[in-house]
Amino acid sequence: MTPAIYILNNIDQQILSLENYKLSKGQCEGLKKAFTYDTGIANRILIDNCGVTDEMLSILFQGAANLKKVKTLNLCKTEIGLEAAQSLKLLF
């Protein structure tokens, strides 16, 4: 398992690209915390085939709500359940 800090290496030009990157709940919680400390780190997020659960996606959305300007959120092969949908509202 890759620590959350290394996931931040997937940020290029303020785009966090997580394509085919299997995430754990701990990594999602780490990203949430990282987004709290550096609110300008990313403005676009791509989550594609990461194997996230509804709970994990909710954690990511809660963290992304701390970012200053999320312009784009791309979700591919990712299912949004009730918990994640409620957290998604925090982005708007």
N, C-alpha and C. Protein backbone atom coordinates (compact mmCIF):
# COMPACT_ATOMS: atom_id res chain seq x y z
N MET A 1 0.85 -1.18 0.00
CA MET A 1 0.00 0.00 0.00
C MET A 1 0.89 1.24 0.00
N THR A 2 0.53 2.21 -0.80
CA THR A 2 1.28 3.45 -0.91
C THR A 2 0.76 4.47 0.09
N PRO A 3 1.65 5.09 0.88
CA PRO A 3 1.20 6.13 1.80
C PRO A 3 0.57 7.30 1.04
N ALA A 4 -0.34 8.00 1.70
CA ALA A 4 -1.06 9.10 1.05
C ALA A 4 -0.13 10.17 0.53
N ILE A 5 0.99 10.39 1.21
CA ILE A 5 1.92 11.44 0.78
C ILE A 5 2.43 11.18 -0.63
N TYR A 6 2.62 9.92 -1.01
CA TYR A 6 3.10 9.60 -2.35
C TYR A 6 2.01 9.80 -3.40
N ILE A 7 0.76 9.72 -2.99
CA ILE A 7 -0.34 9.96 -3.92
C ILE A 7 -0.29 11.40 -4.41
N LEU A 8 0.22 12.29 -3.57
CA LEU A 8 0.34 13.70 -3.97
C LEU A 8 1.29 13.88 -5.14
N ASN A 9 2.15 12.89 -5.40
CA ASN A 9 3.02 12.94 -6.58
C ASN A 9 2.22 12.84 -7.87
N ASN A 10 0.96 12.42 -7.77
CA ASN A 10 0.08 12.32 -8.95
C ASN A 10 -0.56 13.66 -9.30
N ILE A 11 -0.16 14.71 -8.63
CA ILE A 11 -0.68 16.05 -8.94
C ILE A 11 0.29 16.73 -9.90
N ASP A 12 -0.23 17.11 -11.04
CA ASP A 12 0.56 17.82 -12.05
C ASP A 12 -0.30 18.95 -12.58
N GLN A 13 0.20 20.15 -12.54
CA GLN A 13 -0.52 21.34 -12.99
C GLN A 13 -1.88 21.44 -12.30
N GLN A 14 -1.89 21.20 -11.01
CA GLN A 14 -3.07 21.26 -10.14
C GLN A 14 -4.14 20.23 -10.49
N ILE A 15 -3.75 19.16 -11.18
CA ILE A 15 -4.68 18.07 -11.51
C ILE A 15 -4.25 16.83 -10.74
N LEU A 16 -5.13 16.34 -9.85
CA LEU A 16 -4.89 15.09 -9.15
C LEU A 16 -5.48 13.98 -10.00
N SER A 17 -4.62 13.18 -10.60
CA SER A 17 -5.05 12.13 -11.51
C SER A 17 -4.86 10.77 -10.84
N LEU A 18 -5.97 10.11 -10.55
CA LEU A 18 -5.95 8.79 -9.93
C LEU A 18 -6.63 7.80 -10.87
N GLU A 19 -5.91 7.42 -11.91
CA GLU A 19 -6.43 6.47 -12.88
C GLU A 19 -5.86 5.08 -12.56
N ASN A 20 -6.78 4.11 -12.38
CA ASN A 20 -6.38 2.74 -12.07
C ASN A 20 -5.43 2.69 -10.87
N TYR A 21 -5.67 3.54 -9.90
CA TYR A 21 -4.85 3.65 -8.71
C TYR A 21 -5.69 3.16 -7.54
N LYS A 22 -5.44 1.96 -7.08
CA LYS A 22 -6.25 1.37 -6.01
C LYS A 22 -6.00 2.11 -4.70
N LEU A 23 -7.06 2.67 -4.15
CA LEU A 23 -6.98 3.44 -2.92
C LEU A 23 -7.50 2.64 -1.74
N SER A 24 -6.92 2.90 -0.57
CA SER A 24 -7.43 2.33 0.67
C SER A 24 -8.16 3.43 1.44
N LYS A 25 -8.89 3.04 2.45
CA LYS A 25 -9.58 4.02 3.28
C LYS A 25 -8.57 4.95 3.95
N GLY A 26 -7.45 4.40 4.41
CA GLY A 26 -6.41 5.21 5.04
C GLY A 26 -5.82 6.24 4.10
N GLN A 27 -5.64 5.87 2.85
CA GLN A 27 -5.12 6.81 1.86
C GLN A 27 -6.13 7.92 1.60
N CYS A 28 -7.40 7.58 1.56
CA CYS A 28 -8.45 8.59 1.38
C CYS A 28 -8.45 9.57 2.54
N GLU A 29 -8.30 9.06 3.75
CA GLU A 29 -8.25 9.91 4.93
C GLU A 29 -7.00 10.79 4.90
N GLY A 30 -5.88 10.25 4.41
CA GLY A 30 -4.66 11.03 4.27
C GLY A 30 -4.81 12.16 3.27
N LEU A 31 -5.47 11.88 2.15
CA LEU A 31 -5.73 12.93 1.15
C LEU A 31 -6.63 14.01 1.73
N LYS A 32 -7.64 13.59 2.47
CA LYS A 32 -8.55 14.56 3.11
C LYS A 32 -7.75 15.51 4.00
N LYS A 33 -6.84 14.96 4.77
CA LYS A 33 -6.03 15.78 5.67
C LYS A 33 -5.08 16.68 4.86
N ALA A 34 -4.49 16.15 3.80
CA ALA A 34 -3.58 16.94 2.96
C ALA A 34 -4.31 18.12 2.33
N PHE A 35 -5.55 17.91 1.91
CA PHE A 35 -6.34 18.99 1.31
C PHE A 35 -6.66 20.08 2.32
N THR A 36 -6.67 19.73 3.60
CA THR A 36 -6.93 20.71 4.66
C THR A 36 -5.72 21.62 4.85
N TYR A 37 -4.52 21.04 4.71
CA TYR A 37 -3.29 21.80 4.94
C TYR A 37 -2.90 22.67 3.75
N ASP A 38 -3.13 22.17 2.55
CA ASP A 38 -2.76 22.92 1.34
C ASP A 38 -4.00 23.05 0.46
N THR A 39 -4.77 24.08 0.67
CA THR A 39 -6.06 24.23 -0.01
C THR A 39 -5.94 24.62 -1.48
N GLY A 40 -4.73 24.94 -1.94
CA GLY A 40 -4.55 25.30 -3.34
C GLY A 40 -3.81 24.24 -4.14
N ILE A 41 -3.68 23.05 -3.57
CA ILE A 41 -2.86 22.00 -4.18
C ILE A 41 -3.44 21.46 -5.49
N ALA A 42 -4.76 21.43 -5.61
CA ALA A 42 -5.38 20.89 -6.83
C ALA A 42 -6.71 21.59 -7.08
N ASN A 43 -7.03 21.74 -8.38
CA ASN A 43 -8.34 22.29 -8.73
C ASN A 43 -9.11 21.36 -9.66
N ARG A 44 -8.48 20.27 -10.04
CA ARG A 44 -9.15 19.25 -10.85
C ARG A 44 -8.82 17.89 -10.26
N ILE A 45 -9.82 17.03 -10.20
CA ILE A 45 -9.63 15.69 -9.64
C ILE A 45 -10.22 14.67 -10.60
N LEU A 46 -9.42 13.66 -10.92
CA LEU A 46 -9.87 12.56 -11.77
C LEU A 46 -9.77 11.27 -10.95
N ILE A 47 -10.89 10.61 -10.77
CA ILE A 47 -10.95 9.33 -10.07
C ILE A 47 -11.50 8.32 -11.07
N ASP A 48 -10.66 7.38 -11.47
CA ASP A 48 -11.04 6.41 -12.50
C ASP A 48 -10.60 5.01 -12.07
N ASN A 49 -11.58 4.17 -11.82
CA ASN A 49 -11.31 2.76 -11.53
C ASN A 49 -10.35 2.60 -10.34
N CYS A 50 -10.68 3.25 -9.23
CA CYS A 50 -9.81 3.23 -8.04
C CYS A 50 -10.28 2.24 -6.98
N GLY A 51 -11.38 1.57 -7.21
CA GLY A 51 -11.89 0.60 -6.25
C GLY A 51 -12.37 1.22 -4.95
N VAL A 52 -12.86 2.45 -5.01
CA VAL A 52 -13.31 3.12 -3.79
C VAL A 52 -14.74 2.73 -3.44
N THR A 53 -14.98 2.63 -2.15
CA THR A 53 -16.34 2.38 -1.66
C THR A 53 -17.06 3.71 -1.52
N ASP A 54 -18.32 3.65 -1.21
CA ASP A 54 -19.11 4.87 -0.99
C ASP A 54 -18.51 5.67 0.17
N GLU A 55 -18.12 4.98 1.24
CA GLU A 55 -17.52 5.65 2.39
C GLU A 55 -16.21 6.34 2.02
N MET A 56 -15.38 5.66 1.24
CA MET A 56 -14.10 6.23 0.83
C MET A 56 -14.30 7.45 -0.06
N LEU A 57 -15.25 7.36 -0.97
CA LEU A 57 -15.55 8.48 -1.86
C LEU A 57 -16.07 9.67 -1.05
N SER A 58 -16.86 9.39 -0.04
CA SER A 58 -17.36 10.44 0.84
C SER A 58 -16.20 11.15 1.54
N ILE A 59 -15.23 10.40 2.00
CA ILE A 59 -14.05 10.98 2.65
C ILE A 59 -13.29 11.88 1.68
N LEU A 60 -13.12 11.41 0.44
CA LEU A 60 -12.43 12.21 -0.58
C LEU A 60 -13.19 13.51 -0.86
N PHE A 61 -14.51 13.43 -0.97
CA PHE A 61 -15.31 14.63 -1.23
C PHE A 61 -15.23 15.61 -0.07
N GLN A 62 -15.23 15.09 1.15
CA GLN A 62 -15.11 15.96 2.33
C GLN A 62 -13.78 16.71 2.29
N GLY A 63 -12.72 16.01 1.91
CA GLY A 63 -11.41 16.65 1.79
C GLY A 63 -11.38 17.66 0.66
N ALA A 64 -11.96 17.29 -0.48
CA ALA A 64 -11.97 18.18 -1.64
C ALA A 64 -12.75 19.46 -1.35
N ALA A 65 -13.68 19.40 -0.42
CA ALA A 65 -14.46 20.59 -0.05
C ALA A 65 -13.56 21.65 0.58
N ASN A 66 -12.39 21.25 1.08
CA ASN A 66 -11.44 22.20 1.66
C ASN A 66 -10.60 22.92 0.60
N LEU A 67 -10.57 22.37 -0.61
CA LEU A 67 -9.79 22.99 -1.68
C LEU A 67 -10.43 24.31 -2.09
N LYS A 68 -9.59 25.27 -2.45
CA LYS A 68 -10.10 26.61 -2.78
C LYS A 68 -11.02 26.62 -3.99
N LYS A 69 -10.58 26.01 -5.06
CA LYS A 69 -11.34 26.10 -6.31
C LYS A 69 -11.31 24.77 -7.05
N VAL A 70 -12.27 23.92 -6.80
CA VAL A 70 -12.38 22.69 -7.57
C VAL A 70 -13.19 23.03 -8.82
N LYS A 71 -12.52 22.97 -9.98
CA LYS A 71 -13.19 23.31 -11.23
C LYS A 71 -13.82 22.08 -11.88
N THR A 72 -13.13 20.94 -11.76
CA THR A 72 -13.59 19.74 -12.43
C THR A 72 -13.42 18.53 -11.52
N LEU A 73 -14.44 17.70 -11.50
CA LEU A 73 -14.41 16.43 -10.79
C LEU A 73 -14.85 15.37 -11.77
N ASN A 74 -13.91 14.55 -12.24
CA ASN A 74 -14.21 13.47 -13.18
C ASN A 74 -14.26 12.16 -12.44
N LEU A 75 -15.38 11.46 -12.56
CA LEU A 75 -15.53 10.14 -11.95
C LEU A 75 -15.84 9.14 -13.05
N CYS A 76 -14.93 8.22 -13.26
CA CYS A 76 -15.11 7.18 -14.27
C CYS A 76 -15.07 5.82 -13.56
N LYS A 77 -15.96 4.95 -13.92
CA LYS A 77 -16.03 3.62 -13.30
C LYS A 77 -16.07 3.73 -11.79
N THR A 78 -16.84 4.72 -11.31
CA THR A 78 -16.95 4.99 -9.88
C THR A 78 -18.43 5.21 -9.56
N GLU A 79 -18.92 4.46 -8.59
CA GLU A 79 -20.32 4.55 -8.21
C GLU A 79 -20.48 5.47 -7.00
N ILE A 80 -21.42 6.38 -7.09
CA ILE A 80 -21.71 7.30 -5.99
C ILE A 80 -22.95 6.80 -5.26
N GLY A 81 -22.77 6.51 -3.97
CA GLY A 81 -23.89 6.10 -3.13
C GLY A 81 -24.42 7.28 -2.34
N LEU A 82 -25.32 7.00 -1.41
CA LEU A 82 -25.97 8.05 -0.64
C LEU A 82 -24.97 8.85 0.20
N GLU A 83 -24.06 8.16 0.89
CA GLU A 83 -23.09 8.85 1.75
C GLU A 83 -22.20 9.78 0.93
N ALA A 84 -21.70 9.29 -0.20
CA ALA A 84 -20.84 10.12 -1.05
C ALA A 84 -21.64 11.27 -1.66
N ALA A 85 -22.88 11.02 -2.03
CA ALA A 85 -23.72 12.08 -2.62
C ALA A 85 -23.92 13.22 -1.62
N GLN A 86 -24.12 12.86 -0.36
CA GLN A 86 -24.29 13.91 0.66
C GLN A 86 -23.01 14.72 0.83
N SER A 87 -21.86 14.07 0.77
CA SER A 87 -20.58 14.78 0.88
C SER A 87 -20.28 15.59 -0.37
N LEU A 88 -20.76 15.12 -1.51
CA LEU A 88 -20.55 15.84 -2.76
C LEU A 88 -21.16 17.23 -2.71
N LYS A 89 -22.25 17.38 -1.98
CA LYS A 89 -22.92 18.68 -1.84
C LYS A 89 -21.99 19.71 -1.20
N LEU A 90 -21.01 19.27 -0.43
CA LEU A 90 -20.07 20.19 0.23
C LEU A 90 -19.20 20.94 -0.77
N LEU A 91 -19.06 20.39 -1.98
CA LEU A 91 -18.21 21.01 -3.00
C LEU A 91 -18.88 22.21 -3.66
N PHE A 92 -20.18 22.35 -3.48
CA PHE A 92 -20.91 23.41 -4.19
C PHE A 92 -21.47 24.44 -3.24
